[in-house]
Structures are given as structure tokens and as C-alpha cells.
Amino acid sequence: MSGPGPVTAVWTDFGGVLTPPVGENLAKFCADHVLAPAEFMAAVRAVGARYGTADFLEPLDTPLVSEKEWLAQVSEVLGRPIGVRSFGEAWFDGRPANEHWVETLREARRRDLGVHLMSNMVPSWDEHWRRMLPVEELFDQVVLSFEVGCRKPDREIFELAARRARVEPGSCVLIDDLEKNCAAAEAAGWHAIRFTEARPATEELWELAGVRS
């Protein structure tokens, strides 16, 4: 496999990159439903452990369990119902897109770069996240874990994504808020940008792509 070269395919994560930090939304969700964040996350991790997965959301976004069943199991661990009809609907309600990063992706398209989305996504969340973004306008390819049967940080999803973009792995860059996903992308021969804020990520992207900012 060839090493990383100039970037021509931009693969952005969704949660924590095209949205505000996941921690912010967790705090809002818990406040709205009178839950202590630590207690809620302990219940989520306990349910995830039942499936023997390394990541607590893997049972949902592969998927090994439906959202309805998962929500019932989390409520069982908590000892009370959370009180939402749909976790995805409650999670995404009023959640804004990161417009600064959206504009970077639009500019990347204007610079003739391929722009794609790669996300560990829950099936029942699909309709909700798509309302936040002009999906057809922004992305050439969309790779979602529940559709392809693998997820970040598995090497398989990076190999599949490069094939979808019709480029060598070394021409791809992943922009993700999680270090383990960035490390996995680099191990697969990709470039990676650890996302914290849109401005420094944008500057790094232009440098990797060899274009003037």
C-alpha cells in the first residue's frame, strides 16, 4: 500500500464535527429529561457491555439491537423510564449544524476535492441527522456504519470508503473528533485531522490538499 500523498478525498465525521461537541448535547439531553449525565452514561455503558462490544454505542450503530429495545434496556438499568418516544428524535431536537465546517466543505467542493461523510450512525437516527444538512449538495459519498456493517475504528470501513471514493488510501483524509478514529485512519494509510474547532481543521485541510487558504 502506498503512503499518504496529496489529499483529494475529504471524509468528515458527523457527530462532534458537523455538530457541536457531543458532550454539549449530552448535557442538554440529560437536563431536558432530569437525568444525571454520569448516571445516564453508566446505564448506557452497562447495556453496551451486554453485547460484548468495545464501544458503548456499537450495539446501536452496527446494529445489534433496535433503538426501542436499547432504550428499554437503558431504562431498566436506570430503574425508571427516560420518558422519550424516540431517543434519536430527542437527541437531535434543536441540534444545530456546525455552519463554519459546512462552509469549509462547500469550499472544498469548489476547489474540486471530493467531499464525503463517514459516520457511526444508528438506523433510526438517519431521518433526523439528514434534516440538519443539505446532504445531496455537500457529499459525493455517504458511508454509515449501519448500512455497511462495519464502523470506525475498524480498518474495513476505511478500505471500503477509499474504494467508494475511487482513490488510493493515501489520498484520503479523515476529519474526526476522536483520537482513536484518527489513529485508525492513519494505520489504514490515510491522513487524519483531529477536530477541535473549524478554523484550525480548515487550515490543516488546505495544507494537506496543497491549496492556498
N, C-alpha and C. Protein backbone atom coordinates (compact mmCIF):
# COMPACT_ATOMS: atom_id res chain seq x y z
N MET A 1 0.86 -1.20 0.00
CA MET A 1 0.00 0.00 0.00
C MET A 1 0.89 1.25 0.00
N SER A 2 0.57 2.18 -0.83
CA SER A 2 1.35 3.41 -0.90
C SER A 2 1.08 4.29 0.30
N GLY A 3 2.06 5.11 0.68
CA GLY A 3 1.90 6.00 1.80
C GLY A 3 1.06 7.21 1.43
N PRO A 4 0.69 8.02 2.45
CA PRO A 4 -0.14 9.18 2.19
C PRO A 4 0.48 10.14 1.18
N GLY A 5 -0.31 10.62 0.26
CA GLY A 5 0.09 11.62 -0.72
C GLY A 5 -0.81 12.83 -0.60
N PRO A 6 -0.85 13.69 -1.60
CA PRO A 6 -1.73 14.85 -1.55
C PRO A 6 -3.20 14.43 -1.42
N VAL A 7 -3.92 15.12 -0.58
CA VAL A 7 -5.33 14.78 -0.32
C VAL A 7 -6.21 15.21 -1.49
N THR A 8 -7.04 14.28 -1.94
CA THR A 8 -8.07 14.61 -2.95
C THR A 8 -9.46 14.20 -2.48
N ALA A 9 -9.55 13.40 -1.41
CA ALA A 9 -10.83 12.93 -0.89
C ALA A 9 -10.95 13.29 0.59
N VAL A 10 -11.92 14.12 0.90
CA VAL A 10 -12.14 14.61 2.26
C VAL A 10 -13.29 13.80 2.88
N TRP A 11 -13.00 13.10 3.98
CA TRP A 11 -14.01 12.31 4.69
C TRP A 11 -14.23 12.94 6.06
N THR A 12 -15.41 13.53 6.25
CA THR A 12 -15.72 14.16 7.52
C THR A 12 -16.61 13.28 8.37
N ASP A 13 -16.37 13.31 9.67
CA ASP A 13 -17.26 12.69 10.64
C ASP A 13 -18.50 13.58 10.80
N PHE A 14 -19.53 13.04 11.45
CA PHE A 14 -20.74 13.83 11.71
C PHE A 14 -20.75 14.37 13.14
N GLY A 15 -21.06 13.50 14.12
CA GLY A 15 -21.19 13.97 15.49
C GLY A 15 -19.89 14.51 16.05
N GLY A 16 -19.92 15.73 16.58
CA GLY A 16 -18.74 16.36 17.14
C GLY A 16 -17.89 17.11 16.14
N VAL A 17 -18.25 17.00 14.85
CA VAL A 17 -17.55 17.74 13.80
C VAL A 17 -18.56 18.62 13.05
N LEU A 18 -19.56 17.99 12.48
CA LEU A 18 -20.63 18.74 11.83
C LEU A 18 -21.71 19.17 12.82
N THR A 19 -21.52 18.81 14.09
CA THR A 19 -22.41 19.25 15.16
C THR A 19 -21.56 19.85 16.27
N PRO A 20 -22.18 20.49 17.27
CA PRO A 20 -21.42 20.89 18.45
C PRO A 20 -20.85 19.65 19.14
N PRO A 21 -19.91 19.82 20.08
CA PRO A 21 -19.35 18.67 20.79
C PRO A 21 -20.43 17.78 21.39
N VAL A 22 -20.19 16.48 21.32
CA VAL A 22 -21.17 15.51 21.81
C VAL A 22 -21.49 15.75 23.29
N GLY A 23 -20.49 16.16 24.06
CA GLY A 23 -20.71 16.42 25.48
C GLY A 23 -21.74 17.50 25.73
N GLU A 24 -21.78 18.51 24.86
CA GLU A 24 -22.77 19.58 25.00
C GLU A 24 -24.18 19.05 24.80
N ASN A 25 -24.34 18.19 23.80
CA ASN A 25 -25.66 17.66 23.55
C ASN A 25 -26.08 16.67 24.64
N LEU A 26 -25.11 15.92 25.17
CA LEU A 26 -25.41 15.03 26.28
C LEU A 26 -25.92 15.81 27.48
N ALA A 27 -25.26 16.91 27.78
CA ALA A 27 -25.68 17.74 28.92
C ALA A 27 -27.09 18.28 28.71
N LYS A 28 -27.39 18.72 27.48
CA LYS A 28 -28.72 19.25 27.19
C LYS A 28 -29.78 18.15 27.30
N PHE A 29 -29.49 16.98 26.72
CA PHE A 29 -30.44 15.87 26.77
C PHE A 29 -30.74 15.48 28.22
N CYS A 30 -29.71 15.37 29.02
CA CYS A 30 -29.91 14.97 30.41
C CYS A 30 -30.66 16.04 31.20
N ALA A 31 -30.36 17.30 30.94
CA ALA A 31 -31.08 18.37 31.62
C ALA A 31 -32.56 18.37 31.24
N ASP A 32 -32.84 18.15 29.96
CA ASP A 32 -34.23 18.13 29.48
C ASP A 32 -35.03 16.99 30.08
N HIS A 33 -34.33 15.89 30.44
CA HIS A 33 -35.04 14.70 30.91
C HIS A 33 -34.71 14.36 32.37
N VAL A 34 -34.18 15.36 33.07
CA VAL A 34 -33.91 15.25 34.52
C VAL A 34 -33.08 14.00 34.81
N LEU A 35 -31.97 13.90 34.12
CA LEU A 35 -31.04 12.80 34.30
C LEU A 35 -29.67 13.34 34.69
N ALA A 36 -28.99 12.65 35.56
CA ALA A 36 -27.60 12.98 35.85
C ALA A 36 -26.75 12.38 34.74
N PRO A 37 -25.93 13.19 34.05
CA PRO A 37 -25.13 12.64 32.94
C PRO A 37 -24.32 11.41 33.31
N ALA A 38 -23.69 11.42 34.47
CA ALA A 38 -22.87 10.27 34.88
C ALA A 38 -23.73 9.02 35.05
N GLU A 39 -24.91 9.19 35.64
CA GLU A 39 -25.82 8.06 35.84
C GLU A 39 -26.32 7.52 34.50
N PHE A 40 -26.67 8.42 33.59
CA PHE A 40 -27.16 8.00 32.28
C PHE A 40 -26.08 7.26 31.51
N MET A 41 -24.86 7.80 31.50
CA MET A 41 -23.78 7.16 30.75
C MET A 41 -23.40 5.82 31.38
N ALA A 42 -23.50 5.70 32.70
CA ALA A 42 -23.22 4.42 33.33
C ALA A 42 -24.22 3.37 32.88
N ALA A 43 -25.48 3.77 32.73
CA ALA A 43 -26.51 2.85 32.25
C ALA A 43 -26.27 2.47 30.80
N VAL A 44 -25.89 3.45 29.98
CA VAL A 44 -25.60 3.18 28.56
C VAL A 44 -24.43 2.21 28.44
N ARG A 45 -23.39 2.41 29.23
CA ARG A 45 -22.22 1.52 29.18
C ARG A 45 -22.59 0.12 29.67
N ALA A 46 -23.45 0.04 30.68
CA ALA A 46 -23.86 -1.26 31.20
C ALA A 46 -24.62 -2.05 30.14
N VAL A 47 -25.46 -1.37 29.39
CA VAL A 47 -26.20 -2.04 28.31
C VAL A 47 -25.23 -2.45 27.21
N GLY A 48 -24.31 -1.59 26.85
CA GLY A 48 -23.32 -1.92 25.84
C GLY A 48 -22.51 -3.15 26.21
N ALA A 49 -22.20 -3.29 27.51
CA ALA A 49 -21.40 -4.43 27.97
C ALA A 49 -22.14 -5.75 27.76
N ARG A 50 -23.45 -5.72 27.72
CA ARG A 50 -24.22 -6.95 27.50
C ARG A 50 -23.94 -7.55 26.13
N TYR A 51 -23.52 -6.72 25.20
CA TYR A 51 -23.27 -7.17 23.83
C TYR A 51 -21.80 -7.46 23.57
N GLY A 52 -20.98 -7.25 24.58
CA GLY A 52 -19.56 -7.56 24.45
C GLY A 52 -18.82 -6.68 23.46
N THR A 53 -19.28 -5.44 23.28
CA THR A 53 -18.66 -4.53 22.32
C THR A 53 -17.70 -3.58 23.02
N ALA A 54 -16.70 -3.12 22.27
CA ALA A 54 -15.71 -2.21 22.85
C ALA A 54 -16.26 -0.81 23.03
N ASP A 55 -17.18 -0.42 22.18
CA ASP A 55 -17.77 0.92 22.20
C ASP A 55 -19.22 0.82 22.66
N PHE A 56 -19.64 1.70 23.57
CA PHE A 56 -20.97 1.57 24.15
C PHE A 56 -22.10 1.82 23.15
N LEU A 57 -21.82 2.52 22.04
CA LEU A 57 -22.86 2.73 21.03
C LEU A 57 -22.83 1.70 19.90
N GLU A 58 -21.84 0.83 19.91
CA GLU A 58 -21.72 -0.15 18.83
C GLU A 58 -22.95 -1.03 18.69
N PRO A 59 -23.61 -1.46 19.79
CA PRO A 59 -24.81 -2.27 19.60
C PRO A 59 -25.90 -1.55 18.79
N LEU A 60 -25.94 -0.23 18.88
CA LEU A 60 -26.96 0.55 18.17
C LEU A 60 -26.59 0.84 16.74
N ASP A 61 -25.32 1.17 16.48
CA ASP A 61 -24.99 1.66 15.14
C ASP A 61 -24.43 0.60 14.20
N THR A 62 -24.35 -0.67 14.67
CA THR A 62 -23.91 -1.71 13.73
C THR A 62 -25.03 -2.25 12.85
N PRO A 63 -26.26 -2.50 13.28
CA PRO A 63 -26.78 -2.54 14.64
C PRO A 63 -26.97 -3.97 15.13
N LEU A 64 -26.81 -4.15 16.44
CA LEU A 64 -27.09 -5.43 17.08
C LEU A 64 -28.43 -5.41 17.81
N VAL A 65 -28.97 -4.22 18.03
CA VAL A 65 -30.22 -4.07 18.76
C VAL A 65 -30.96 -2.85 18.21
N SER A 66 -32.28 -2.89 18.24
CA SER A 66 -33.06 -1.73 17.78
C SER A 66 -33.01 -0.63 18.83
N GLU A 67 -33.25 0.60 18.38
CA GLU A 67 -33.27 1.71 19.33
C GLU A 67 -34.32 1.50 20.41
N LYS A 68 -35.48 0.98 20.04
CA LYS A 68 -36.56 0.77 21.00
C LYS A 68 -36.13 -0.23 22.08
N GLU A 69 -35.52 -1.33 21.67
CA GLU A 69 -35.05 -2.33 22.64
C GLU A 69 -33.93 -1.75 23.51
N TRP A 70 -33.02 -1.02 22.88
CA TRP A 70 -31.90 -0.40 23.61
C TRP A 70 -32.41 0.57 24.66
N LEU A 71 -33.38 1.40 24.28
CA LEU A 71 -33.93 2.39 25.21
C LEU A 71 -34.60 1.71 26.39
N ALA A 72 -35.30 0.60 26.12
CA ALA A 72 -35.93 -0.14 27.21
C ALA A 72 -34.89 -0.71 28.16
N GLN A 73 -33.78 -1.18 27.61
CA GLN A 73 -32.72 -1.75 28.44
C GLN A 73 -32.03 -0.69 29.28
N VAL A 74 -31.80 0.48 28.69
CA VAL A 74 -31.19 1.58 29.46
C VAL A 74 -32.13 2.01 30.58
N SER A 75 -33.43 2.10 30.28
CA SER A 75 -34.42 2.48 31.29
C SER A 75 -34.45 1.46 32.42
N GLU A 76 -34.31 0.18 32.05
CA GLU A 76 -34.29 -0.89 33.06
C GLU A 76 -33.11 -0.71 34.01
N VAL A 77 -31.93 -0.42 33.45
CA VAL A 77 -30.75 -0.23 34.30
C VAL A 77 -30.93 1.00 35.20
N LEU A 78 -31.52 2.05 34.64
CA LEU A 78 -31.75 3.26 35.42
C LEU A 78 -32.80 3.06 36.51
N GLY A 79 -33.68 2.10 36.28
CA GLY A 79 -34.75 1.85 37.24
C GLY A 79 -35.97 2.72 37.03
N ARG A 80 -36.02 3.40 35.88
CA ARG A 80 -37.17 4.23 35.55
C ARG A 80 -37.13 4.56 34.07
N PRO A 81 -38.30 4.80 33.48
CA PRO A 81 -38.30 5.16 32.05
C PRO A 81 -37.71 6.54 31.83
N ILE A 82 -37.02 6.71 30.73
CA ILE A 82 -36.45 8.01 30.39
C ILE A 82 -37.53 8.98 29.96
N GLY A 83 -38.59 8.47 29.38
CA GLY A 83 -39.71 9.32 29.03
C GLY A 83 -39.63 9.95 27.67
N VAL A 84 -39.01 9.25 26.72
CA VAL A 84 -38.96 9.74 25.34
C VAL A 84 -39.52 8.66 24.42
N ARG A 85 -40.25 9.06 23.41
CA ARG A 85 -40.78 8.12 22.44
C ARG A 85 -39.68 7.61 21.54
N SER A 86 -38.77 8.52 21.15
CA SER A 86 -37.66 8.19 20.28
C SER A 86 -36.41 8.88 20.81
N PHE A 87 -35.40 8.08 21.14
CA PHE A 87 -34.15 8.68 21.63
C PHE A 87 -33.54 9.58 20.56
N GLY A 88 -33.54 9.10 19.31
CA GLY A 88 -32.96 9.89 18.23
C GLY A 88 -33.64 11.23 18.05
N GLU A 89 -34.96 11.21 18.10
CA GLU A 89 -35.70 12.47 17.95
C GLU A 89 -35.36 13.44 19.07
N ALA A 90 -35.30 12.92 20.31
CA ALA A 90 -34.98 13.78 21.44
C ALA A 90 -33.53 14.27 21.38
N TRP A 91 -32.63 13.42 20.92
CA TRP A 91 -31.21 13.76 20.85
C TRP A 91 -30.95 14.85 19.81
N PHE A 92 -31.63 14.78 18.68
CA PHE A 92 -31.36 15.72 17.59
C PHE A 92 -32.26 16.96 17.63
N ASP A 93 -33.29 16.96 18.47
CA ASP A 93 -34.22 18.08 18.51
C ASP A 93 -33.49 19.39 18.82
N GLY A 94 -33.56 20.33 17.88
CA GLY A 94 -32.94 21.64 18.08
C GLY A 94 -31.43 21.65 17.97
N ARG A 95 -30.84 20.57 17.51
CA ARG A 95 -29.39 20.49 17.42
C ARG A 95 -28.91 21.19 16.15
N PRO A 96 -28.05 22.20 16.27
CA PRO A 96 -27.62 22.95 15.09
C PRO A 96 -26.44 22.28 14.39
N ALA A 97 -26.32 22.53 13.10
CA ALA A 97 -25.13 22.10 12.36
C ALA A 97 -24.00 23.09 12.61
N ASN A 98 -22.78 22.63 12.46
CA ASN A 98 -21.60 23.49 12.57
C ASN A 98 -21.42 24.20 11.23
N GLU A 99 -21.99 25.38 11.12
CA GLU A 99 -22.02 26.09 9.84
C GLU A 99 -20.63 26.47 9.36
N HIS A 100 -19.70 26.69 10.28
CA HIS A 100 -18.34 27.03 9.87
C HIS A 100 -17.70 25.85 9.12
N TRP A 101 -17.94 24.63 9.62
CA TRP A 101 -17.37 23.47 8.95
C TRP A 101 -18.13 23.15 7.66
N VAL A 102 -19.43 23.38 7.67
CA VAL A 102 -20.22 23.21 6.45
C VAL A 102 -19.66 24.09 5.33
N GLU A 103 -19.31 25.31 5.67
CA GLU A 103 -18.75 26.22 4.66
C GLU A 103 -17.38 25.73 4.17
N THR A 104 -16.59 25.15 5.08
CA THR A 104 -15.32 24.57 4.65
C THR A 104 -15.56 23.46 3.63
N LEU A 105 -16.54 22.62 3.88
CA LEU A 105 -16.84 21.53 2.94
C LEU A 105 -17.32 22.08 1.60
N ARG A 106 -18.10 23.12 1.63
CA ARG A 106 -18.54 23.75 0.37
C ARG A 106 -17.33 24.29 -0.39
N GLU A 107 -16.42 24.91 0.35
CA GLU A 107 -15.22 25.46 -0.29
C GLU A 107 -14.36 24.33 -0.85
N ALA A 108 -14.28 23.21 -0.14
CA ALA A 108 -13.52 22.07 -0.64
C ALA A 108 -14.09 21.58 -1.97
N ARG A 109 -15.39 21.58 -2.10
CA ARG A 109 -16.02 21.19 -3.36
C ARG A 109 -15.67 22.19 -4.46
N ARG A 110 -15.67 23.47 -4.09
CA ARG A 110 -15.32 24.48 -5.09
C ARG A 110 -13.87 24.32 -5.54
N ARG A 111 -13.05 23.74 -4.68
CA ARG A 111 -11.65 23.50 -5.02
C ARG A 111 -11.45 22.13 -5.68
N ASP A 112 -12.55 21.51 -6.09
CA ASP A 112 -12.52 20.23 -6.83
C ASP A 112 -12.01 19.06 -6.00
N LEU A 113 -12.20 19.13 -4.68
CA LEU A 113 -11.92 17.98 -3.83
C LEU A 113 -13.19 17.15 -3.68
N GLY A 114 -13.02 15.84 -3.57
CA GLY A 114 -14.16 15.00 -3.25
C GLY A 114 -14.52 15.19 -1.78
N VAL A 115 -15.80 15.34 -1.49
CA VAL A 115 -16.24 15.57 -0.11
C VAL A 115 -17.24 14.46 0.26
N HIS A 116 -16.95 13.76 1.35
CA HIS A 116 -17.71 12.58 1.72
C HIS A 116 -17.96 12.58 3.24
N LEU A 117 -18.95 11.79 3.64
CA LEU A 117 -19.29 11.65 5.06
C LEU A 117 -19.08 10.21 5.50
N MET A 118 -18.44 10.03 6.66
CA MET A 118 -18.28 8.71 7.28
C MET A 118 -18.70 8.83 8.74
N SER A 119 -19.71 8.05 9.13
CA SER A 119 -20.21 8.18 10.49
C SER A 119 -20.67 6.84 11.05
N ASN A 120 -20.43 6.64 12.35
CA ASN A 120 -21.06 5.55 13.07
C ASN A 120 -22.47 6.02 13.42
N MET A 121 -23.45 5.55 12.65
CA MET A 121 -24.80 6.11 12.74
C MET A 121 -25.82 5.02 13.07
N VAL A 122 -26.78 5.38 13.90
CA VAL A 122 -27.87 4.48 14.29
C VAL A 122 -28.96 4.54 13.22
N PRO A 123 -29.53 3.39 12.81
CA PRO A 123 -30.53 3.41 11.73
C PRO A 123 -31.68 4.39 11.96
N SER A 124 -32.22 4.41 13.16
CA SER A 124 -33.38 5.26 13.43
C SER A 124 -33.02 6.74 13.54
N TRP A 125 -31.72 7.06 13.52
CA TRP A 125 -31.30 8.46 13.55
C TRP A 125 -31.18 9.05 12.15
N ASP A 126 -31.29 8.19 11.15
CA ASP A 126 -30.99 8.62 9.78
C ASP A 126 -31.85 9.81 9.35
N GLU A 127 -33.14 9.74 9.59
CA GLU A 127 -34.02 10.82 9.15
C GLU A 127 -33.74 12.12 9.90
N HIS A 128 -33.25 12.01 11.13
CA HIS A 128 -33.04 13.21 11.95
C HIS A 128 -31.79 13.97 11.53
N TRP A 129 -30.66 13.27 11.36
CA TRP A 129 -29.43 14.00 11.01
C TRP A 129 -29.54 14.59 9.62
N ARG A 130 -30.26 13.93 8.72
CA ARG A 130 -30.37 14.43 7.35
C ARG A 130 -31.12 15.75 7.28
N ARG A 131 -31.96 16.02 8.26
CA ARG A 131 -32.67 17.31 8.28
C ARG A 131 -31.74 18.46 8.63
N MET A 132 -30.59 18.17 9.20
CA MET A 132 -29.67 19.21 9.63
C MET A 132 -28.78 19.74 8.51
N LEU A 133 -28.66 18.98 7.43
CA LEU A 133 -27.66 19.30 6.41
C LEU A 133 -28.21 19.12 5.00
N PRO A 134 -27.69 19.88 4.03
CA PRO A 134 -28.03 19.65 2.62
C PRO A 134 -27.19 18.49 2.09
N VAL A 135 -27.60 17.28 2.39
CA VAL A 135 -26.78 16.10 2.16
C VAL A 135 -26.38 15.94 0.70
N GLU A 136 -27.35 16.06 -0.19
CA GLU A 136 -27.05 15.86 -1.61
C GLU A 136 -26.11 16.93 -2.14
N GLU A 137 -26.20 18.14 -1.61
CA GLU A 137 -25.34 19.24 -2.05
C GLU A 137 -23.90 19.06 -1.55
N LEU A 138 -23.75 18.54 -0.33
CA LEU A 138 -22.44 18.51 0.29
C LEU A 138 -21.60 17.30 -0.06
N PHE A 139 -22.22 16.12 -0.15
CA PHE A 139 -21.44 14.88 -0.15
C PHE A 139 -21.56 14.10 -1.45
N ASP A 140 -20.40 13.62 -1.90
CA ASP A 140 -20.36 12.71 -3.04
C ASP A 140 -20.70 11.29 -2.59
N GLN A 141 -20.19 10.90 -1.42
CA GLN A 141 -20.43 9.57 -0.87
C GLN A 141 -20.80 9.71 0.61
N VAL A 142 -21.70 8.85 1.06
CA VAL A 142 -22.07 8.78 2.47
C VAL A 142 -21.90 7.34 2.92
N VAL A 143 -21.00 7.11 3.89
CA VAL A 143 -20.75 5.77 4.42
C VAL A 143 -21.18 5.77 5.89
N LEU A 144 -22.24 5.02 6.18
CA LEU A 144 -22.80 4.94 7.52
C LEU A 144 -22.65 3.51 8.05
N SER A 145 -22.28 3.38 9.30
CA SER A 145 -21.97 2.07 9.87
C SER A 145 -23.12 1.08 9.73
N PHE A 146 -24.33 1.54 10.00
CA PHE A 146 -25.44 0.59 9.99
C PHE A 146 -25.77 0.10 8.58
N GLU A 147 -25.37 0.86 7.56
CA GLU A 147 -25.61 0.44 6.18
C GLU A 147 -24.54 -0.49 5.66
N VAL A 148 -23.30 -0.30 6.11
CA VAL A 148 -22.19 -1.08 5.54
C VAL A 148 -21.74 -2.23 6.44
N GLY A 149 -22.24 -2.28 7.70
CA GLY A 149 -21.94 -3.40 8.57
C GLY A 149 -20.58 -3.36 9.24
N CYS A 150 -19.89 -2.24 9.16
CA CYS A 150 -18.64 -2.05 9.89
C CYS A 150 -18.60 -0.59 10.35
N ARG A 151 -17.65 -0.27 11.22
CA ARG A 151 -17.68 1.06 11.84
C ARG A 151 -16.26 1.51 12.17
N LYS A 152 -16.11 2.80 12.35
CA LYS A 152 -14.85 3.31 12.87
C LYS A 152 -14.68 2.81 14.31
N PRO A 153 -13.52 2.39 14.72
CA PRO A 153 -12.22 2.49 14.06
C PRO A 153 -11.78 1.23 13.30
N ASP A 154 -12.71 0.39 12.86
CA ASP A 154 -12.33 -0.83 12.13
C ASP A 154 -11.66 -0.47 10.81
N ARG A 155 -10.59 -1.16 10.49
CA ARG A 155 -9.87 -0.90 9.25
C ARG A 155 -10.77 -1.10 8.02
N GLU A 156 -11.71 -2.04 8.12
CA GLU A 156 -12.58 -2.37 6.99
C GLU A 156 -13.33 -1.15 6.45
N ILE A 157 -13.79 -0.27 7.33
CA ILE A 157 -14.58 0.86 6.86
C ILE A 157 -13.72 1.86 6.09
N PHE A 158 -12.44 1.96 6.44
CA PHE A 158 -11.55 2.87 5.71
C PHE A 158 -11.22 2.30 4.33
N GLU A 159 -11.04 1.01 4.26
CA GLU A 159 -10.78 0.38 2.96
C GLU A 159 -11.99 0.53 2.04
N LEU A 160 -13.18 0.32 2.60
CA LEU A 160 -14.41 0.47 1.82
C LEU A 160 -14.58 1.92 1.34
N ALA A 161 -14.31 2.87 2.23
CA ALA A 161 -14.50 4.28 1.89
C ALA A 161 -13.58 4.72 0.76
N ALA A 162 -12.33 4.29 0.80
CA ALA A 162 -11.40 4.64 -0.27
C ALA A 162 -11.87 4.08 -1.61
N ARG A 163 -12.40 2.86 -1.57
CA ARG A 163 -12.94 2.28 -2.81
C ARG A 163 -14.13 3.08 -3.31
N ARG A 164 -14.99 3.50 -2.38
CA ARG A 164 -16.16 4.29 -2.77
C ARG A 164 -15.74 5.61 -3.43
N ALA A 165 -14.69 6.21 -2.90
CA ALA A 165 -14.21 7.48 -3.45
C ALA A 165 -13.37 7.29 -4.71
N ARG A 166 -13.01 6.03 -5.00
CA ARG A 166 -12.20 5.68 -6.19
C ARG A 166 -10.83 6.36 -6.17
N VAL A 167 -10.22 6.33 -4.98
CA VAL A 167 -8.88 6.88 -4.82
C VAL A 167 -8.06 5.92 -3.97
N GLU A 168 -6.74 6.12 -3.98
CA GLU A 168 -5.87 5.36 -3.10
C GLU A 168 -6.05 5.83 -1.65
N PRO A 169 -5.82 4.94 -0.67
CA PRO A 169 -5.96 5.35 0.73
C PRO A 169 -5.15 6.60 1.07
N GLY A 170 -3.96 6.73 0.49
CA GLY A 170 -3.11 7.87 0.79
C GLY A 170 -3.63 9.19 0.30
N SER A 171 -4.69 9.18 -0.52
CA SER A 171 -5.30 10.42 -0.99
C SER A 171 -6.49 10.84 -0.13
N CYS A 172 -6.80 10.04 0.90
CA CYS A 172 -7.95 10.31 1.77
C CYS A 172 -7.50 10.97 3.07
N VAL A 173 -8.36 11.82 3.61
CA VAL A 173 -8.15 12.36 4.94
C VAL A 173 -9.45 12.22 5.72
N LEU A 174 -9.33 11.77 6.97
CA LEU A 174 -10.46 11.71 7.89
C LEU A 174 -10.38 12.90 8.83
N ILE A 175 -11.49 13.61 8.98
CA ILE A 175 -11.59 14.66 9.99
C ILE A 175 -12.56 14.16 11.04
N ASP A 176 -12.07 13.94 12.25
CA ASP A 176 -12.85 13.28 13.29
C ASP A 176 -12.48 13.87 14.65
N ASP A 177 -13.44 13.87 15.58
CA ASP A 177 -13.17 14.42 16.90
C ASP A 177 -12.56 13.41 17.86
N LEU A 178 -12.50 12.12 17.46
CA LEU A 178 -11.98 11.09 18.35
C LEU A 178 -10.59 10.64 17.91
N GLU A 179 -9.67 10.63 18.85
CA GLU A 179 -8.29 10.26 18.56
C GLU A 179 -8.19 8.83 18.04
N LYS A 180 -8.98 7.90 18.62
CA LYS A 180 -8.88 6.50 18.19
C LYS A 180 -9.27 6.33 16.73
N ASN A 181 -10.21 7.14 16.25
CA ASN A 181 -10.60 7.04 14.84
C ASN A 181 -9.53 7.63 13.93
N CYS A 182 -8.92 8.73 14.38
CA CYS A 182 -7.82 9.32 13.61
C CYS A 182 -6.64 8.37 13.53
N ALA A 183 -6.32 7.72 14.64
CA ALA A 183 -5.21 6.77 14.66
C ALA A 183 -5.50 5.59 13.74
N ALA A 184 -6.74 5.13 13.72
CA ALA A 184 -7.11 4.01 12.86
C ALA A 184 -7.01 4.40 11.39
N ALA A 185 -7.41 5.63 11.07
CA ALA A 185 -7.31 6.10 9.68
C ALA A 185 -5.85 6.13 9.24
N GLU A 186 -4.98 6.64 10.09
CA GLU A 186 -3.56 6.69 9.74
C GLU A 186 -2.97 5.29 9.60
N ALA A 187 -3.43 4.36 10.43
CA ALA A 187 -2.95 2.98 10.32
C ALA A 187 -3.39 2.34 9.00
N ALA A 188 -4.51 2.84 8.45
CA ALA A 188 -5.00 2.34 7.17
C ALA A 188 -4.37 3.06 5.98
N GLY A 189 -3.39 3.95 6.25
CA GLY A 189 -2.69 4.65 5.18
C GLY A 189 -3.27 6.00 4.82
N TRP A 190 -4.24 6.47 5.62
CA TRP A 190 -4.88 7.76 5.38
C TRP A 190 -4.12 8.87 6.10
N HIS A 191 -4.47 10.11 5.74
CA HIS A 191 -4.18 11.27 6.58
C HIS A 191 -5.32 11.37 7.60
N ALA A 192 -5.09 12.12 8.67
CA ALA A 192 -6.14 12.35 9.66
C ALA A 192 -5.95 13.71 10.29
N ILE A 193 -7.07 14.35 10.59
CA ILE A 193 -7.08 15.63 11.30
C ILE A 193 -7.97 15.46 12.52
N ARG A 194 -7.41 15.66 13.70
CA ARG A 194 -8.20 15.60 14.93
C ARG A 194 -8.96 16.93 15.07
N PHE A 195 -10.28 16.85 15.03
CA PHE A 195 -11.11 18.06 15.01
C PHE A 195 -11.39 18.56 16.42
N THR A 196 -11.08 19.83 16.64
CA THR A 196 -11.49 20.51 17.87
C THR A 196 -12.32 21.75 17.53
N GLU A 197 -11.82 22.51 16.53
CA GLU A 197 -12.54 23.70 16.05
C GLU A 197 -12.40 23.77 14.54
N ALA A 198 -13.33 24.48 13.90
CA ALA A 198 -13.36 24.51 12.44
C ALA A 198 -12.15 25.23 11.84
N ARG A 199 -11.72 26.33 12.43
CA ARG A 199 -10.65 27.12 11.80
C ARG A 199 -9.34 26.36 11.69
N PRO A 200 -8.78 25.81 12.79
CA PRO A 200 -7.52 25.08 12.63
C PRO A 200 -7.67 23.83 11.76
N ALA A 201 -8.82 23.17 11.81
CA ALA A 201 -9.03 21.99 10.96
C ALA A 201 -9.05 22.40 9.50
N THR A 202 -9.65 23.53 9.21
CA THR A 202 -9.70 24.02 7.83
C THR A 202 -8.30 24.33 7.32
N GLU A 203 -7.50 25.01 8.13
CA GLU A 203 -6.14 25.35 7.73
C GLU A 203 -5.31 24.10 7.47
N GLU A 204 -5.47 23.10 8.32
CA GLU A 204 -4.72 21.85 8.14
C GLU A 204 -5.18 21.12 6.88
N LEU A 205 -6.48 21.17 6.62
CA LEU A 205 -7.01 20.53 5.42
C LEU A 205 -6.42 21.16 4.17
N TRP A 206 -6.40 22.50 4.09
CA TRP A 206 -5.85 23.16 2.91
C TRP A 206 -4.37 22.82 2.73
N GLU A 207 -3.65 22.70 3.84
CA GLU A 207 -2.23 22.34 3.75
C GLU A 207 -2.07 20.93 3.18
N LEU A 208 -2.87 19.99 3.66
CA LEU A 208 -2.77 18.61 3.18
C LEU A 208 -3.18 18.49 1.71
N ALA A 209 -4.14 19.32 1.31
CA ALA A 209 -4.62 19.27 -0.06
C ALA A 209 -3.74 20.08 -1.02
N GLY A 210 -2.79 20.85 -0.46
CA GLY A 210 -1.89 21.62 -1.30
C GLY A 210 -2.53 22.80 -1.98
N VAL A 211 -3.52 23.42 -1.29
CA VAL A 211 -4.19 24.59 -1.86
C VAL A 211 -3.98 25.78 -0.96
N ARG A 212 -4.10 26.96 -1.54
CA ARG A 212 -3.91 28.18 -0.78
C ARG A 212 -5.17 28.50 0.00
N SER A 213 -5.00 28.91 1.27
CA SER A 213 -6.16 29.28 2.10
C SER A 213 -6.64 30.66 1.77
